[in-house]
Amino acid sequence: MISNFWHWYVALFSDTDNKVKIAAWTATIATFGFLITTVFLPTFRYLKSKFLKIKVEANISYQHIYSPLLGAISGAPLLTVTITNLTNKSIFIKKPLISTSTRVDGRVEHQIVILNESNIFPKKLEHGEVFKKEYDTSMLYPNLLSKLDPADKVGFKVHTTTGKVYSSNQFTQQHITGHMQKSDDLNRR
């Protein structure tokens, strides 16, 4: 039954009448268009929304400060976390935690206390919204970075209010302190 239909359908494309060939091609293209727009695209969007996450990225950036008295100086590098909501709904994130590959003071996740930010969290992020937070490495050094070995890794973890946890890329302690040293070297010139 199916093979008979298939042979008849394929024979339409080699018919001697051009009107039949054009009709066969038109029906085929219309059928594919219908399947793509009503079946494949909605299914793809549904599956994509099921697997979308929150993107958490760690970066290191420099502060360049200009003062009329001192001129241009380079501040301590900033360890930055960027959180992007890629889900199709609003989410609430808790305060980003700095995570380390080894325990410092008995923990691998560290909350950095910054004045005047207690009312920010939990922070609501709409679909596609980006949240960025910067941490001064000179403030992190005495309590955290100085207690790590050069090969130990530092990154961020973000918890949602629903209990999901997302991690960022990581930098070694040596990489971060190398940026701090470079900033100090620039200021000595």
C-alpha atoms as a PDB file:
ATOM      1  CA  MET A   1       0.000   0.000   0.000  1.00  0.00           C
ATOM      2  CA  ILE A   2       2.664   2.530   1.062  1.00  0.00           C
ATOM      3  CA  SER A   3       5.088   1.391  -1.616  1.00  0.00           C
ATOM      4  CA  ASN A   4       2.367   1.764  -4.264  1.00  0.00           C
ATOM      5  CA  PHE A   5       1.698   5.321  -3.095  1.00  0.00           C
ATOM      6  CA  TRP A   6       5.429   6.126  -3.086  1.00  0.00           C
ATOM      7  CA  HIS A   7       5.908   4.848  -6.639  1.00  0.00           C
ATOM      8  CA  TRP A   8       2.875   6.837  -7.840  1.00  0.00           C
ATOM      9  CA  TYR A   9       4.169   9.977  -6.023  1.00  0.00           C
ATOM     10  CA  VAL A  10       7.693   9.691  -7.467  1.00  0.00           C
ATOM     11  CA  ALA A  11       6.244   9.064 -10.951  1.00  0.00           C
ATOM     12  CA  LEU A  12       4.487  12.452 -10.772  1.00  0.00           C
ATOM     13  CA  PHE A  13       7.880  14.223 -10.986  1.00  0.00           C
ATOM     14  CA  SER A  14       8.741  12.446 -14.243  1.00  0.00           C
ATOM     15  CA  ASP A  15       5.328  12.803 -15.909  1.00  0.00           C
ATOM     16  CA  THR A  16       5.350  14.044 -19.479  1.00  0.00           C
ATOM     17  CA  ASP A  17       2.795  16.750 -18.672  1.00  0.00           C
ATOM     18  CA  ASN A  18       4.562  19.802 -17.162  1.00  0.00           C
ATOM     19  CA  LYS A  19       1.388  20.783 -15.294  1.00  0.00           C
ATOM     20  CA  VAL A  20       1.568  17.553 -13.282  1.00  0.00           C
ATOM     21  CA  LYS A  21       5.258  18.141 -12.479  1.00  0.00           C
ATOM     22  CA  ILE A  22       4.551  21.699 -11.303  1.00  0.00           C
ATOM     23  CA  ALA A  23       1.590  20.524  -9.215  1.00  0.00           C
ATOM     24  CA  ALA A  24       3.711  17.769  -7.639  1.00  0.00           C
ATOM     25  CA  TRP A  25       6.490  20.228  -6.729  1.00  0.00           C
ATOM     26  CA  THR A  26       3.982  22.795  -5.401  1.00  0.00           C
ATOM     27  CA  ALA A  27       2.236  20.207  -3.229  1.00  0.00           C
ATOM     28  CA  THR A  28       5.579  18.935  -1.898  1.00  0.00           C
ATOM     29  CA  ILE A  29       6.842  22.421  -1.025  1.00  0.00           C
ATOM     30  CA  ALA A  30       3.522  23.371   0.584  1.00  0.00           C
ATOM     31  CA  THR A  31       3.548  20.169   2.653  1.00  0.00           C
ATOM     32  CA  PHE A  32       7.108  20.816   3.861  1.00  0.00           C
ATOM     33  CA  GLY A  33       6.248  24.433   4.700  1.00  0.00           C
ATOM     34  CA  PHE A  34       3.198  23.294   6.661  1.00  0.00           C
ATOM     35  CA  LEU A  35       5.205  20.670   8.585  1.00  0.00           C
ATOM     36  CA  ILE A  36       8.018  23.108   9.382  1.00  0.00           C
ATOM     37  CA  THR A  37       5.743  25.884  10.680  1.00  0.00           C
ATOM     38  CA  THR A  38       3.183  23.763  12.537  1.00  0.00           C
ATOM     39  CA  VAL A  39       5.194  20.765  13.745  1.00  0.00           C
ATOM     40  CA  PHE A  40       8.974  21.163  13.624  1.00  0.00           C
ATOM     41  CA  LEU A  41       9.406  24.802  14.778  1.00  0.00           C
ATOM     42  CA  PRO A  42       6.973  24.552  17.725  1.00  0.00           C
ATOM     43  CA  THR A  43       8.573  21.275  18.791  1.00  0.00           C
ATOM     44  CA  PHE A  44      12.058  22.806  18.523  1.00  0.00           C
ATOM     45  CA  ARG A  45      11.013  25.876  20.553  1.00  0.00           C
ATOM     46  CA  TYR A  46       9.427  23.686  23.209  1.00  0.00           C
ATOM     47  CA  LEU A  47      12.507  21.473  23.544  1.00  0.00           C
ATOM     48  CA  LYS A  48      14.800  24.508  23.547  1.00  0.00           C
ATOM     49  CA  SER A  49      12.803  26.148  26.355  1.00  0.00           C
ATOM     50  CA  LYS A  50      13.038  22.951  28.402  1.00  0.00           C
ATOM     51  CA  PHE A  51      16.839  23.000  28.320  1.00  0.00           C
ATOM     52  CA  LEU A  52      17.536  26.742  28.565  1.00  0.00           C
ATOM     53  CA  LYS A  53      19.455  27.812  31.625  1.00  0.00           C
ATOM     54  CA  ILE A  54      20.997  30.720  33.338  1.00  0.00           C
ATOM     55  CA  LYS A  55      24.389  31.699  31.933  1.00  0.00           C
ATOM     56  CA  VAL A  56      26.973  32.637  34.567  1.00  0.00           C
ATOM     57  CA  GLU A  57      30.299  34.094  33.440  1.00  0.00           C
ATOM     58  CA  ALA A  58      33.330  35.226  35.428  1.00  0.00           C
ATOM     59  CA  ASN A  59      35.643  37.897  34.021  1.00  0.00           C
ATOM     60  CA  ILE A  60      38.531  40.070  35.138  1.00  0.00           C
ATOM     61  CA  SER A  61      38.581  43.751  34.199  1.00  0.00           C
ATOM     62  CA  TYR A  62      40.732  46.744  35.048  1.00  0.00           C
ATOM     63  CA  GLN A  63      39.773  50.006  36.684  1.00  0.00           C
ATOM     64  CA  HIS A  64      41.296  53.123  35.188  1.00  0.00           C
ATOM     65  CA  ILE A  65      40.964  56.114  37.461  1.00  0.00           C
ATOM     66  CA  TYR A  66      41.812  59.685  36.584  1.00  0.00           C
ATOM     67  CA  SER A  67      42.555  62.251  39.239  1.00  0.00           C
ATOM     68  CA  PRO A  68      43.620  65.849  38.555  1.00  0.00           C
ATOM     69  CA  LEU A  69      46.250  65.526  41.299  1.00  0.00           C
ATOM     70  CA  LEU A  70      47.568  62.047  40.606  1.00  0.00           C
ATOM     71  CA  GLY A  71      46.838  61.741  36.911  1.00  0.00           C
ATOM     72  CA  ALA A  72      45.787  58.420  35.440  1.00  0.00           C
ATOM     73  CA  ILE A  73      46.195  55.440  37.741  1.00  0.00           C
ATOM     74  CA  SER A  74      45.104  51.853  37.484  1.00  0.00           C
ATOM     75  CA  GLY A  75      42.891  50.539  40.295  1.00  0.00           C
ATOM     76  CA  ALA A  76      42.870  46.950  41.483  1.00  0.00           C
ATOM     77  CA  PRO A  77      41.361  44.587  38.925  1.00  0.00           C
ATOM     78  CA  LEU A  78      37.719  43.657  39.335  1.00  0.00           C
ATOM     79  CA  LEU A  79      36.471  40.085  39.470  1.00  0.00           C
ATOM     80  CA  THR A  80      33.124  40.327  37.666  1.00  0.00           C
ATOM     81  CA  VAL A  81      30.168  37.951  37.546  1.00  0.00           C
ATOM     82  CA  THR A  82      27.646  38.334  34.719  1.00  0.00           C
ATOM     83  CA  ILE A  83      24.346  36.445  35.011  1.00  0.00           C
ATOM     84  CA  THR A  84      22.035  36.146  32.005  1.00  0.00           C
ATOM     85  CA  ASN A  85      18.522  34.695  32.225  1.00  0.00           C
ATOM     86  CA  LEU A  86      18.126  32.487  29.141  1.00  0.00           C
ATOM     87  CA  THR A  87      14.952  30.803  30.376  1.00  0.00           C
ATOM     88  CA  ASN A  88      11.529  31.792  29.048  1.00  0.00           C
ATOM     89  CA  LYS A  89      10.309  32.956  32.439  1.00  0.00           C
ATOM     90  CA  SER A  90      11.223  35.312  35.260  1.00  0.00           C
ATOM     91  CA  ILE A  91      13.572  33.940  37.900  1.00  0.00           C
ATOM     92  CA  PHE A  92      14.860  35.121  41.253  1.00  0.00           C
ATOM     93  CA  ILE A  93      18.555  34.772  42.044  1.00  0.00           C
ATOM     94  CA  LYS A  94      20.221  34.905  45.414  1.00  0.00           C
ATOM     95  CA  LYS A  95      23.468  36.765  46.021  1.00  0.00           C
ATOM     96  CA  PRO A  96      26.277  35.335  43.855  1.00  0.00           C
ATOM     97  CA  LEU A  97      28.809  33.368  45.876  1.00  0.00           C
ATOM     98  CA  ILE A  98      32.498  33.103  45.151  1.00  0.00           C
ATOM     99  CA  SER A  99      33.411  29.435  44.934  1.00  0.00           C
ATOM    100  CA  THR A 100      36.874  27.970  45.376  1.00  0.00           C
ATOM    101  CA  SER A 101      38.261  24.585  44.375  1.00  0.00           C
ATOM    102  CA  THR A 102      39.609  24.012  47.900  1.00  0.00           C
ATOM    103  CA  ARG A 103      38.210  24.795  51.314  1.00  0.00           C
ATOM    104  CA  VAL A 104      39.016  28.145  52.882  1.00  0.00           C
ATOM    105  CA  ASP A 105      37.912  28.483  56.496  1.00  0.00           C
ATOM    106  CA  GLY A 106      36.004  25.202  56.091  1.00  0.00           C
ATOM    107  CA  ARG A 107      33.934  26.304  53.060  1.00  0.00           C
ATOM    108  CA  VAL A 108      34.148  26.263  49.272  1.00  0.00           C
ATOM    109  CA  GLU A 109      31.438  28.919  48.766  1.00  0.00           C
ATOM    110  CA  HIS A 110      32.068  32.381  50.174  1.00  0.00           C
ATOM    111  CA  GLN A 111      29.679  35.269  50.562  1.00  0.00           C
ATOM    112  CA  ILE A 112      31.396  38.604  50.178  1.00  0.00           C
ATOM    113  CA  VAL A 113      29.795  41.300  52.293  1.00  0.00           C
ATOM    114  CA  ILE A 114      29.422  44.612  50.509  1.00  0.00           C
ATOM    115  CA  LEU A 115      27.711  47.514  52.224  1.00  0.00           C
ATOM    116  CA  ASN A 116      24.352  48.765  50.930  1.00  0.00           C
ATOM    117  CA  GLU A 117      23.462  45.697  48.878  1.00  0.00           C
ATOM    118  CA  SER A 118      21.322  43.761  51.345  1.00  0.00           C
ATOM    119  CA  ASN A 119      18.080  44.979  49.721  1.00  0.00           C
ATOM    120  CA  ILE A 120      19.086  43.852  46.210  1.00  0.00           C
ATOM    121  CA  PHE A 121      18.684  40.101  46.740  1.00  0.00           C
ATOM    122  CA  PRO A 122      16.809  38.041  45.863  1.00  0.00           C
ATOM    123  CA  LYS A 123      17.029  39.762  42.485  1.00  0.00           C
ATOM    124  CA  LYS A 124      14.351  39.222  39.847  1.00  0.00           C
ATOM    125  CA  LEU A 125      15.651  38.643  36.326  1.00  0.00           C
ATOM    126  CA  GLU A 126      13.246  38.755  33.393  1.00  0.00           C
ATOM    127  CA  HIS A 127      13.781  36.657  30.252  1.00  0.00           C
ATOM    128  CA  GLY A 128      16.982  37.881  28.564  1.00  0.00           C
ATOM    129  CA  GLU A 129      17.892  40.252  31.396  1.00  0.00           C
ATOM    130  CA  VAL A 130      21.558  40.549  32.429  1.00  0.00           C
ATOM    131  CA  PHE A 131      22.823  41.230  35.951  1.00  0.00           C
ATOM    132  CA  LYS A 132      26.451  42.198  36.557  1.00  0.00           C
ATOM    133  CA  LYS A 133      28.296  42.472  39.875  1.00  0.00           C
ATOM    134  CA  GLU A 134      31.918  43.534  40.375  1.00  0.00           C
ATOM    135  CA  TYR A 135      34.203  42.611  43.259  1.00  0.00           C
ATOM    136  CA  ASP A 136      37.412  44.510  43.972  1.00  0.00           C
ATOM    137  CA  THR A 137      40.271  41.978  44.066  1.00  0.00           C
ATOM    138  CA  SER A 138      42.180  44.027  46.649  1.00  0.00           C
ATOM    139  CA  MET A 139      39.211  43.503  48.986  1.00  0.00           C
ATOM    140  CA  LEU A 140      39.171  39.754  48.196  1.00  0.00           C
ATOM    141  CA  TYR A 141      42.894  39.243  48.691  1.00  0.00           C
ATOM    142  CA  PRO A 142      43.297  39.343  52.491  1.00  0.00           C
ATOM    143  CA  ASN A 143      40.293  37.156  53.332  1.00  0.00           C
ATOM    144  CA  LEU A 144      40.232  34.744  50.425  1.00  0.00           C
ATOM    145  CA  LEU A 145      42.874  34.893  47.692  1.00  0.00           C
ATOM    146  CA  SER A 146      45.853  34.939  50.087  1.00  0.00           C
ATOM    147  CA  LYS A 147      44.633  31.650  51.624  1.00  0.00           C
ATOM    148  CA  LEU A 148      44.648  29.781  48.298  1.00  0.00           C
ATOM    149  CA  ASP A 149      47.490  28.033  46.522  1.00  0.00           C
ATOM    150  CA  PRO A 150      48.449  29.425  43.089  1.00  0.00           C
ATOM    151  CA  ALA A 151      46.787  26.486  41.271  1.00  0.00           C
ATOM    152  CA  ASP A 152      43.506  26.712  43.235  1.00  0.00           C
ATOM    153  CA  LYS A 153      40.551  27.897  41.185  1.00  0.00           C
ATOM    154  CA  VAL A 154      38.099  30.712  41.863  1.00  0.00           C
ATOM    155  CA  GLY A 155      34.715  31.204  40.187  1.00  0.00           C
ATOM    156  CA  PHE A 156      31.095  31.999  41.008  1.00  0.00           C
ATOM    157  CA  LYS A 157      28.003  30.014  41.947  1.00  0.00           C
ATOM    158  CA  VAL A 158      24.507  31.407  41.607  1.00  0.00           C
ATOM    159  CA  HIS A 159      21.554  29.887  43.443  1.00  0.00           C
ATOM    160  CA  THR A 160      17.964  30.535  42.397  1.00  0.00           C
ATOM    161  CA  THR A 161      15.178  30.755  44.949  1.00  0.00           C
ATOM    162  CA  THR A 162      13.860  27.453  43.538  1.00  0.00           C
ATOM    163  CA  GLY A 163      17.099  25.694  44.528  1.00  0.00           C
ATOM    164  CA  LYS A 164      18.871  25.409  41.173  1.00  0.00           C
ATOM    165  CA  VAL A 165      22.612  26.098  41.182  1.00  0.00           C
ATOM    166  CA  TYR A 166      24.633  27.438  38.245  1.00  0.00           C
ATOM    167  CA  SER A 167      28.433  27.740  38.058  1.00  0.00           C
ATOM    168  CA  SER A 168      30.705  30.046  36.106  1.00  0.00           C
ATOM    169  CA  ASN A 169      34.042  29.497  34.453  1.00  0.00           C
ATOM    170  CA  GLN A 170      37.002  29.658  36.860  1.00  0.00           C
ATOM    171  CA  PHE A 171      40.358  31.398  37.143  1.00  0.00           C
ATOM    172  CA  THR A 172      43.385  30.207  39.082  1.00  0.00           C
ATOM    173  CA  GLN A 173      44.487  32.209  42.096  1.00  0.00           C
ATOM    174  CA  GLN A 174      47.785  32.822  40.278  1.00  0.00           C
ATOM    175  CA  HIS A 175      45.927  34.284  37.269  1.00  0.00           C
ATOM    176  CA  ILE A 176      43.996  36.736  39.470  1.00  0.00           C
ATOM    177  CA  THR A 177      47.010  37.782  41.548  1.00  0.00           C
ATOM    178  CA  GLY A 178      48.998  38.167  38.298  1.00  0.00           C
ATOM    179  CA  HIS A 179      46.457  40.771  37.169  1.00  0.00           C
ATOM    180  CA  MET A 180      46.745  42.469  40.566  1.00  0.00           C
ATOM    181  CA  GLN A 181      50.544  42.579  40.218  1.00  0.00           C
ATOM    182  CA  LYS A 182      50.272  44.002  36.702  1.00  0.00           C
ATOM    183  CA  SER A 183      47.992  46.773  38.012  1.00  0.00           C
ATOM    184  CA  ASP A 184      50.519  47.578  40.759  1.00  0.00           C
ATOM    185  CA  ASP A 185      53.355  47.629  38.193  1.00  0.00           C
ATOM    186  CA  LEU A 186      51.438  50.097  36.007  1.00  0.00           C
ATOM    187  CA  ASN A 187      50.975  52.465  38.948  1.00  0.00           C
ATOM    188  CA  ARG A 188      54.710  52.424  39.838  1.00  0.00           C
ATOM    189  CA  ARG A 189      55.714  53.811  36.445  1.00  0.00           C
END
